């Protein structure tokens, strides 16, 4: 992602996180169906469990984030810290959007 502009990276991070939640949950639901579990309930539960992993996958692992923070603190590159925080916010937004779509799809949050 080094050659991309920041805006392009920001958008890619959002959609990677969304895809991890949405795709992982739906594919996991197929596995739940094959094993005889309730697929919609399993999809909803997997979406909850995948949120943190979507963040990690979208920002490219935790070591890049820590390196950017370290460079920002010790070398005075505050621009890197701000960029990394914005990328984390973008990944959180994509993760939350994916979870919300799964929540609407499964309607597991609706109490009777």
Protein backbone atom coordinates (compact mmCIF):
# COMPACT_ATOMS: atom_id res chain seq x y z
CA UNK A 1 0.00 0.00 0.00
CA UNK A 2 3.03 2.26 -0.05
CA UNK A 3 2.46 3.44 -3.61
CA UNK A 4 -1.21 4.33 -3.08
CA UNK A 5 -2.35 7.76 -2.08
CA UNK A 6 -3.69 8.09 1.44
CA UNK A 7 -7.31 8.49 0.29
CA UNK A 8 -7.08 5.32 -1.83
CA UNK A 9 -5.61 3.42 1.12
CA UNK A 10 -8.30 4.85 3.43
CA UNK A 11 -11.06 3.55 1.13
CA UNK A 12 -9.38 0.16 0.64
CA UNK A 13 -9.00 -0.34 4.40
CA UNK A 14 -12.72 0.36 4.89
CA UNK A 15 -13.79 -2.20 2.30
CA UNK A 16 -11.26 -4.83 3.42
CA UNK A 17 -12.69 -4.69 6.95
CA UNK A 18 -16.24 -4.82 5.59
CA UNK A 19 -15.34 -7.81 3.41
CA UNK A 20 -13.71 -9.73 6.26
CA UNK A 21 -16.84 -9.39 8.39
CA UNK A 22 -19.37 -9.99 5.65
CA UNK A 23 -17.54 -12.73 3.75
CA UNK A 24 -16.21 -14.53 6.80
CA UNK A 25 -19.59 -14.64 8.47
CA UNK A 26 -21.46 -15.84 5.39
CA UNK A 27 -18.91 -18.53 4.57
CA UNK A 28 -18.92 -19.57 8.24
CA UNK A 29 -22.71 -19.79 8.01
CA UNK A 30 -22.35 -22.34 5.23
CA UNK A 31 -20.16 -24.40 7.54
CA UNK A 32 -22.73 -24.07 10.31
CA UNK A 33 -25.46 -25.27 7.95
CA UNK A 34 -23.40 -28.28 6.88
CA UNK A 35 -22.74 -29.27 10.50
CA UNK A 36 -26.41 -28.89 11.47
CA UNK A 37 -26.17 -25.67 13.51
CA UNK A 38 -28.54 -22.75 13.11
CA UNK A 39 -26.94 -20.81 10.22
CA UNK A 40 -28.36 -17.33 10.92
CA UNK A 41 -27.47 -17.46 14.59
CA UNK A 42 -23.98 -18.70 13.72
CA UNK A 43 -23.54 -15.94 11.12
CA UNK A 44 -24.46 -13.29 13.69
CA UNK A 45 -22.13 -14.74 16.33
CA UNK A 46 -19.26 -15.02 13.86
CA UNK A 47 -19.73 -11.39 12.82
CA UNK A 48 -19.30 -10.38 16.47
CA UNK A 49 -16.16 -12.50 16.84
CA UNK A 50 -14.58 -11.32 13.57
CA UNK A 51 -14.73 -7.58 14.33
CA UNK A 52 -11.26 -7.34 15.86
CA UNK A 53 -9.75 -9.57 13.16
CA UNK A 54 -11.26 -7.39 10.46
CA UNK A 55 -9.43 -4.42 11.99
CA UNK A 56 -6.12 -6.29 12.09
CA UNK A 57 -6.49 -7.58 8.53
CA UNK A 58 -7.50 -4.19 7.16
CA UNK A 59 -4.59 -2.23 8.60
CA UNK A 60 -2.10 -4.88 7.51
CA UNK A 61 -1.26 -6.38 10.86
CA UNK A 62 -0.40 -4.73 14.14
CA UNK A 63 3.34 -4.28 13.60
CA UNK A 64 2.91 -1.61 10.90
CA UNK A 65 0.63 0.35 13.19
CA UNK A 66 3.09 0.13 16.10
CA UNK A 67 5.98 1.15 13.85
CA UNK A 68 4.04 4.22 12.67
CA UNK A 69 3.25 5.19 16.26
CA UNK A 70 6.87 4.66 17.29
CA UNK A 71 8.14 6.79 14.42
CA UNK A 72 5.61 9.47 15.27
CA UNK A 73 6.56 9.59 18.93
CA UNK A 74 10.34 9.20 18.77
CA UNK A 75 11.08 10.88 15.45
CA UNK A 76 8.46 13.60 15.64
CA UNK A 77 6.51 12.39 12.62
CA UNK A 78 3.06 13.34 13.89
CA UNK A 79 1.71 13.09 10.36
CA UNK A 80 2.26 9.30 10.52
CA UNK A 81 0.36 9.04 13.80
CA UNK A 82 -2.61 10.96 12.40
CA UNK A 83 -2.65 8.83 9.24
CA UNK A 84 -2.52 5.61 11.26
CA UNK A 85 -5.34 6.76 13.54
CA UNK A 86 -7.46 7.63 10.50
CA UNK A 87 -6.76 4.21 8.97
CA UNK A 88 -7.82 2.52 12.21
CA UNK A 89 -11.02 4.59 12.25
CA UNK A 90 -11.68 3.61 8.64
CA UNK A 91 -11.19 -0.07 9.48
CA UNK A 92 -13.50 0.29 12.47
CA UNK A 93 -16.12 1.89 10.22
CA UNK A 94 -15.89 -0.93 7.69
CA UNK A 95 -16.07 -3.52 10.44
CA UNK A 96 -19.10 -1.85 11.99
CA UNK A 97 -20.82 -1.54 8.60
CA UNK A 98 -20.26 -5.23 7.92
CA UNK A 99 -21.62 -6.13 11.34
CA UNK A 100 -24.67 -3.90 10.78
CA UNK A 101 -25.40 -5.53 7.41
CA UNK A 102 -25.15 -8.99 8.99
CA UNK A 103 -27.33 -7.81 11.87
CA UNK A 104 -30.01 -6.61 9.43
CA UNK A 105 -29.70 -9.79 7.38
CA UNK A 106 -30.02 -12.21 10.29
CA UNK A 107 -32.29 -10.08 12.50
CA UNK A 108 -30.80 -11.78 15.55
CA UNK A 109 -30.85 -8.48 17.45
CA UNK A 110 -34.65 -8.27 17.32
CA UNK A 111 -36.20 -9.46 20.57
CA UNK A 112 -39.66 -10.93 20.66
